[in-house]
Structure formats: structure tokens, C-alpha cells
Amino acid sequence: MEEIAAANGDFKATFEKQQEIIADWIVSQKAFRELAYEFGEKLGLSQDQVREMVPEKKKAVLNNETKYNNNINFVLECNDIRKEEVEKMRTKHC
């Protein structure tokens, strides 16, 4: 992808924007994980216990069953994510 970006200016701009989005997403995920551990600790949960809760939360997101509207349908409406990728995740996690 970097080779294509070097040869094609339009692709390069799109590629760089996607890389920025991915980097921001990774940092956000790490921040939310840190926050989850902090709240878990306040509730008397270990990091392992918090991690064990993640698969059920993934299922809730993928099945549009979250308490605070963190559903995949909202993600599909607001972001450039392919519905095919969501179906692959549902197959894997649900």
C-alpha cells in the first residue's frame, strides 16, 4: 500500500487519512481498556476478570443489544466500515 501511495497522489492522501484514523482508533482502544481496568479495580475485579467480560460485550455490540447505544448499526451509519466485515465478525463472535 505504501508503494501505491508513493506512485499515486490521490491514493496517498486517502491512505494517509486511513492510517490516521487507524492510529487514533488504536489509541482510543488503549485508553478505553485502561479506563475499564481502572473501573474494574474500583469494583474489585482483576484485569483478567475484566478481559473475560469482553467477548459478551462484543456480542452485544454486534447484535445491537448494548445498554448505551454502542451498537454496530450506529458504526455502520457513521463510518466507512463494510457490512461484509461486520457479518464476518458476527460469525466469529456470536
N, C-alpha and C. Protein backbone atom coordinates (compact mmCIF):
# COMPACT_ATOMS: atom_id res chain seq x y z
N MET A 1 0.82 -1.18 0.00
CA MET A 1 0.00 0.00 0.00
C MET A 1 0.87 1.26 0.00
N GLU A 2 1.97 1.21 0.72
CA GLU A 2 2.87 2.36 0.73
C GLU A 2 3.47 2.61 -0.64
N GLU A 3 3.76 1.55 -1.39
CA GLU A 3 4.30 1.70 -2.75
C GLU A 3 3.27 2.35 -3.67
N ILE A 4 2.03 1.94 -3.54
CA ILE A 4 0.96 2.54 -4.35
C ILE A 4 0.81 4.01 -3.97
N ALA A 5 0.85 4.29 -2.68
CA ALA A 5 0.72 5.68 -2.21
C ALA A 5 1.84 6.56 -2.77
N ALA A 6 3.05 6.01 -2.84
CA ALA A 6 4.18 6.78 -3.36
C ALA A 6 3.99 7.12 -4.83
N ALA A 7 3.29 6.27 -5.57
CA ALA A 7 3.12 6.47 -7.01
C ALA A 7 1.84 7.22 -7.38
N ASN A 8 0.89 7.31 -6.45
CA ASN A 8 -0.41 7.90 -6.79
C ASN A 8 -0.81 8.88 -5.69
N GLY A 9 -0.79 10.16 -6.00
CA GLY A 9 -1.07 11.21 -5.03
C GLY A 9 -2.45 11.12 -4.41
N ASP A 10 -3.48 10.83 -5.24
CA ASP A 10 -4.84 10.72 -4.70
C ASP A 10 -4.94 9.56 -3.72
N PHE A 11 -4.37 8.45 -4.11
CA PHE A 11 -4.38 7.29 -3.23
C PHE A 11 -3.60 7.59 -1.96
N LYS A 12 -2.48 8.29 -2.12
CA LYS A 12 -1.63 8.62 -0.96
C LYS A 12 -2.42 9.41 0.08
N ALA A 13 -3.17 10.41 -0.37
CA ALA A 13 -3.94 11.22 0.58
C ALA A 13 -4.97 10.36 1.31
N THR A 14 -5.65 9.50 0.58
CA THR A 14 -6.64 8.61 1.18
C THR A 14 -5.98 7.62 2.13
N PHE A 15 -4.86 7.04 1.71
CA PHE A 15 -4.12 6.09 2.53
C PHE A 15 -3.66 6.74 3.83
N GLU A 16 -3.11 7.94 3.72
CA GLU A 16 -2.62 8.64 4.92
C GLU A 16 -3.77 8.96 5.87
N LYS A 17 -4.92 9.34 5.34
CA LYS A 17 -6.08 9.61 6.19
C LYS A 17 -6.54 8.33 6.89
N GLN A 18 -6.56 7.23 6.17
CA GLN A 18 -6.94 5.95 6.77
C GLN A 18 -5.94 5.56 7.86
N GLN A 19 -4.67 5.77 7.63
CA GLN A 19 -3.66 5.46 8.64
C GLN A 19 -3.87 6.32 9.89
N GLU A 20 -4.23 7.57 9.69
CA GLU A 20 -4.51 8.47 10.82
C GLU A 20 -5.72 7.97 11.61
N ILE A 21 -6.76 7.55 10.90
CA ILE A 21 -7.96 7.03 11.56
C ILE A 21 -7.64 5.77 12.36
N ILE A 22 -6.85 4.88 11.76
CA ILE A 22 -6.47 3.64 12.44
C ILE A 22 -5.64 3.94 13.69
N ALA A 23 -4.68 4.85 13.57
CA ALA A 23 -3.84 5.21 14.71
C ALA A 23 -4.69 5.79 15.84
N ASP A 24 -5.62 6.67 15.49
CA ASP A 24 -6.50 7.26 16.50
C ASP A 24 -7.36 6.18 17.16
N TRP A 25 -7.85 5.23 16.35
CA TRP A 25 -8.67 4.15 16.88
C TRP A 25 -7.86 3.30 17.87
N ILE A 26 -6.62 2.99 17.52
CA ILE A 26 -5.78 2.17 18.41
C ILE A 26 -5.57 2.88 19.74
N VAL A 27 -5.25 4.16 19.69
CA VAL A 27 -5.05 4.92 20.92
C VAL A 27 -6.34 4.97 21.73
N SER A 28 -7.47 5.17 21.06
CA SER A 28 -8.76 5.20 21.77
C SER A 28 -9.05 3.87 22.45
N GLN A 29 -8.77 2.76 21.75
CA GLN A 29 -8.99 1.44 22.33
C GLN A 29 -8.13 1.23 23.56
N LYS A 30 -6.88 1.65 23.48
CA LYS A 30 -5.98 1.52 24.64
C LYS A 30 -6.48 2.37 25.81
N ALA A 31 -6.98 3.56 25.51
CA ALA A 31 -7.49 4.43 26.57
C ALA A 31 -8.74 3.83 27.21
N PHE A 32 -9.64 3.28 26.40
CA PHE A 32 -10.84 2.65 26.96
C PHE A 32 -10.48 1.41 27.76
N ARG A 33 -9.49 0.66 27.31
CA ARG A 33 -9.05 -0.51 28.08
C ARG A 33 -8.50 -0.07 29.44
N GLU A 34 -7.69 0.97 29.43
CA GLU A 34 -7.14 1.49 30.68
C GLU A 34 -8.28 1.93 31.62
N LEU A 35 -9.25 2.62 31.05
CA LEU A 35 -10.40 3.07 31.84
C LEU A 35 -11.18 1.89 32.39
N ALA A 36 -11.38 0.86 31.57
CA ALA A 36 -12.10 -0.33 32.03
C ALA A 36 -11.37 -0.99 33.19
N TYR A 37 -10.05 -1.07 33.09
CA TYR A 37 -9.27 -1.66 34.19
C TYR A 37 -9.40 -0.83 35.46
N GLU A 38 -9.37 0.49 35.30
CA GLU A 38 -9.49 1.37 36.47
C GLU A 38 -10.86 1.18 37.14
N PHE A 39 -11.92 1.19 36.35
CA PHE A 39 -13.25 0.98 36.91
C PHE A 39 -13.40 -0.43 37.48
N GLY A 40 -12.85 -1.40 36.78
CA GLY A 40 -12.88 -2.77 37.28
C GLY A 40 -12.19 -2.89 38.63
N GLU A 41 -11.05 -2.25 38.74
CA GLU A 41 -10.31 -2.27 40.01
C GLU A 41 -11.15 -1.67 41.14
N LYS A 42 -11.86 -0.57 40.84
CA LYS A 42 -12.72 0.04 41.85
C LYS A 42 -13.88 -0.88 42.25
N LEU A 43 -14.25 -1.78 41.34
CA LEU A 43 -15.32 -2.74 41.64
C LEU A 43 -14.79 -4.05 42.22
N GLY A 44 -13.47 -4.11 42.41
CA GLY A 44 -12.88 -5.31 42.97
C GLY A 44 -12.60 -6.40 41.94
N LEU A 45 -12.53 -6.04 40.67
CA LEU A 45 -12.26 -7.01 39.61
C LEU A 45 -10.80 -6.95 39.18
N SER A 46 -10.25 -8.10 38.84
CA SER A 46 -8.90 -8.14 38.31
C SER A 46 -8.92 -7.80 36.82
N GLN A 47 -7.75 -7.54 36.26
CA GLN A 47 -7.66 -7.30 34.81
C GLN A 47 -8.15 -8.52 34.04
N ASP A 48 -7.83 -9.70 34.53
CA ASP A 48 -8.30 -10.93 33.87
C ASP A 48 -9.82 -11.01 33.87
N GLN A 49 -10.43 -10.65 34.98
CA GLN A 49 -11.89 -10.69 35.05
C GLN A 49 -12.52 -9.69 34.07
N VAL A 50 -11.92 -8.53 33.96
CA VAL A 50 -12.42 -7.53 33.01
C VAL A 50 -12.28 -8.06 31.59
N ARG A 51 -11.11 -8.64 31.27
CA ARG A 51 -10.89 -9.20 29.92
C ARG A 51 -11.88 -10.31 29.60
N GLU A 52 -12.25 -11.11 30.60
CA GLU A 52 -13.21 -12.20 30.38
C GLU A 52 -14.59 -11.68 30.02
N MET A 53 -14.89 -10.43 30.33
CA MET A 53 -16.19 -9.84 30.03
C MET A 53 -16.28 -9.34 28.58
N VAL A 54 -15.14 -9.20 27.93
CA VAL A 54 -15.11 -8.60 26.59
C VAL A 54 -15.88 -9.39 25.54
N PRO A 55 -15.75 -10.71 25.45
CA PRO A 55 -16.49 -11.43 24.40
C PRO A 55 -18.01 -11.19 24.44
N GLU A 56 -18.58 -11.15 25.62
CA GLU A 56 -20.02 -10.89 25.73
C GLU A 56 -20.36 -9.48 25.28
N LYS A 57 -19.48 -8.53 25.57
CA LYS A 57 -19.71 -7.15 25.13
C LYS A 57 -19.59 -7.04 23.61
N LYS A 58 -18.66 -7.79 23.01
CA LYS A 58 -18.54 -7.80 21.55
C LYS A 58 -19.83 -8.33 20.93
N LYS A 59 -20.36 -9.41 21.51
CA LYS A 59 -21.61 -9.97 21.01
C LYS A 59 -22.74 -8.93 21.10
N ALA A 60 -22.80 -8.23 22.22
CA ALA A 60 -23.84 -7.22 22.40
C ALA A 60 -23.73 -6.13 21.34
N VAL A 61 -22.52 -5.68 21.06
CA VAL A 61 -22.30 -4.65 20.03
C VAL A 61 -22.75 -5.18 18.67
N LEU A 62 -22.30 -6.37 18.32
CA LEU A 62 -22.60 -6.94 17.01
C LEU A 62 -24.08 -7.25 16.83
N ASN A 63 -24.78 -7.52 17.93
CA ASN A 63 -26.21 -7.84 17.86
C ASN A 63 -27.10 -6.65 18.20
N ASN A 64 -26.48 -5.46 18.30
CA ASN A 64 -27.23 -4.22 18.59
C ASN A 64 -28.02 -4.32 19.89
N GLU A 65 -27.36 -4.83 20.93
CA GLU A 65 -28.01 -5.05 22.22
C GLU A 65 -27.29 -4.34 23.37
N THR A 66 -26.63 -3.21 23.08
CA THR A 66 -25.89 -2.52 24.13
C THR A 66 -26.80 -1.60 24.94
N LYS A 67 -26.42 -1.39 26.17
CA LYS A 67 -27.19 -0.56 27.08
C LYS A 67 -27.06 0.93 26.73
N TYR A 68 -25.90 1.32 26.22
CA TYR A 68 -25.62 2.75 25.99
C TYR A 68 -25.50 3.09 24.51
N ASN A 69 -26.19 2.34 23.66
CA ASN A 69 -26.26 2.59 22.22
C ASN A 69 -24.89 2.56 21.54
N ASN A 70 -24.06 1.64 21.94
CA ASN A 70 -22.77 1.42 21.27
C ASN A 70 -22.92 0.27 20.29
N ASN A 71 -23.97 0.32 19.51
CA ASN A 71 -24.32 -0.76 18.60
C ASN A 71 -23.61 -0.64 17.26
N ILE A 72 -23.44 -1.77 16.60
CA ILE A 72 -22.76 -1.79 15.31
C ILE A 72 -23.55 -1.04 14.26
N ASN A 73 -24.88 -1.00 14.35
CA ASN A 73 -25.66 -0.25 13.37
C ASN A 73 -25.26 1.22 13.36
N PHE A 74 -25.00 1.78 14.52
CA PHE A 74 -24.56 3.17 14.61
C PHE A 74 -23.20 3.33 13.93
N VAL A 75 -22.32 2.38 14.13
CA VAL A 75 -21.00 2.43 13.50
C VAL A 75 -21.14 2.38 11.98
N LEU A 76 -22.01 1.51 11.49
CA LEU A 76 -22.21 1.39 10.05
C LEU A 76 -22.75 2.68 9.45
N GLU A 77 -23.60 3.37 10.18
CA GLU A 77 -24.18 4.61 9.67
C GLU A 77 -23.17 5.76 9.65
N CYS A 78 -22.22 5.75 10.55
CA CYS A 78 -21.35 6.91 10.73
C CYS A 78 -19.92 6.71 10.25
N ASN A 79 -19.56 5.53 9.84
CA ASN A 79 -18.17 5.28 9.48
C ASN A 79 -18.08 4.46 8.20
N ASP A 80 -16.89 4.44 7.67
CA ASP A 80 -16.63 3.71 6.44
C ASP A 80 -16.22 2.27 6.78
N ILE A 81 -17.19 1.50 7.22
CA ILE A 81 -16.94 0.09 7.54
C ILE A 81 -17.86 -0.75 6.65
N ARG A 82 -17.34 -1.78 6.10
CA ARG A 82 -18.13 -2.62 5.19
C ARG A 82 -19.01 -3.57 5.97
N LYS A 83 -20.24 -3.68 5.51
CA LYS A 83 -21.19 -4.59 6.16
C LYS A 83 -20.69 -6.03 6.13
N GLU A 84 -19.94 -6.38 5.09
CA GLU A 84 -19.39 -7.74 4.99
C GLU A 84 -18.45 -8.03 6.16
N GLU A 85 -17.70 -7.02 6.56
CA GLU A 85 -16.77 -7.20 7.68
C GLU A 85 -17.53 -7.43 8.98
N VAL A 86 -18.63 -6.73 9.14
CA VAL A 86 -19.46 -6.91 10.34
C VAL A 86 -20.02 -8.32 10.36
N GLU A 87 -20.49 -8.81 9.23
CA GLU A 87 -21.03 -10.17 9.18
C GLU A 87 -19.94 -11.20 9.51
N LYS A 88 -18.73 -10.97 9.06
CA LYS A 88 -17.62 -11.88 9.41
C LYS A 88 -17.40 -11.87 10.91
N MET A 89 -17.45 -10.69 11.54
CA MET A 89 -17.26 -10.59 12.99
C MET A 89 -18.39 -11.28 13.72
N ARG A 90 -19.62 -11.12 13.23
CA ARG A 90 -20.76 -11.80 13.87
C ARG A 90 -20.56 -13.31 13.82
N THR A 91 -20.13 -13.82 12.68
CA THR A 91 -19.89 -15.25 12.54
C THR A 91 -18.83 -15.71 13.52
N LYS A 92 -17.80 -14.92 13.68
CA LYS A 92 -16.68 -15.29 14.56
C LYS A 92 -17.05 -15.20 16.04
N HIS A 93 -17.80 -14.16 16.43
CA HIS A 93 -18.02 -13.89 17.85
C HIS A 93 -19.39 -14.30 18.39
N CYS A 94 -20.34 -14.56 17.52
CA CYS A 94 -21.71 -14.78 18.03
C CYS A 94 -22.17 -16.19 17.89
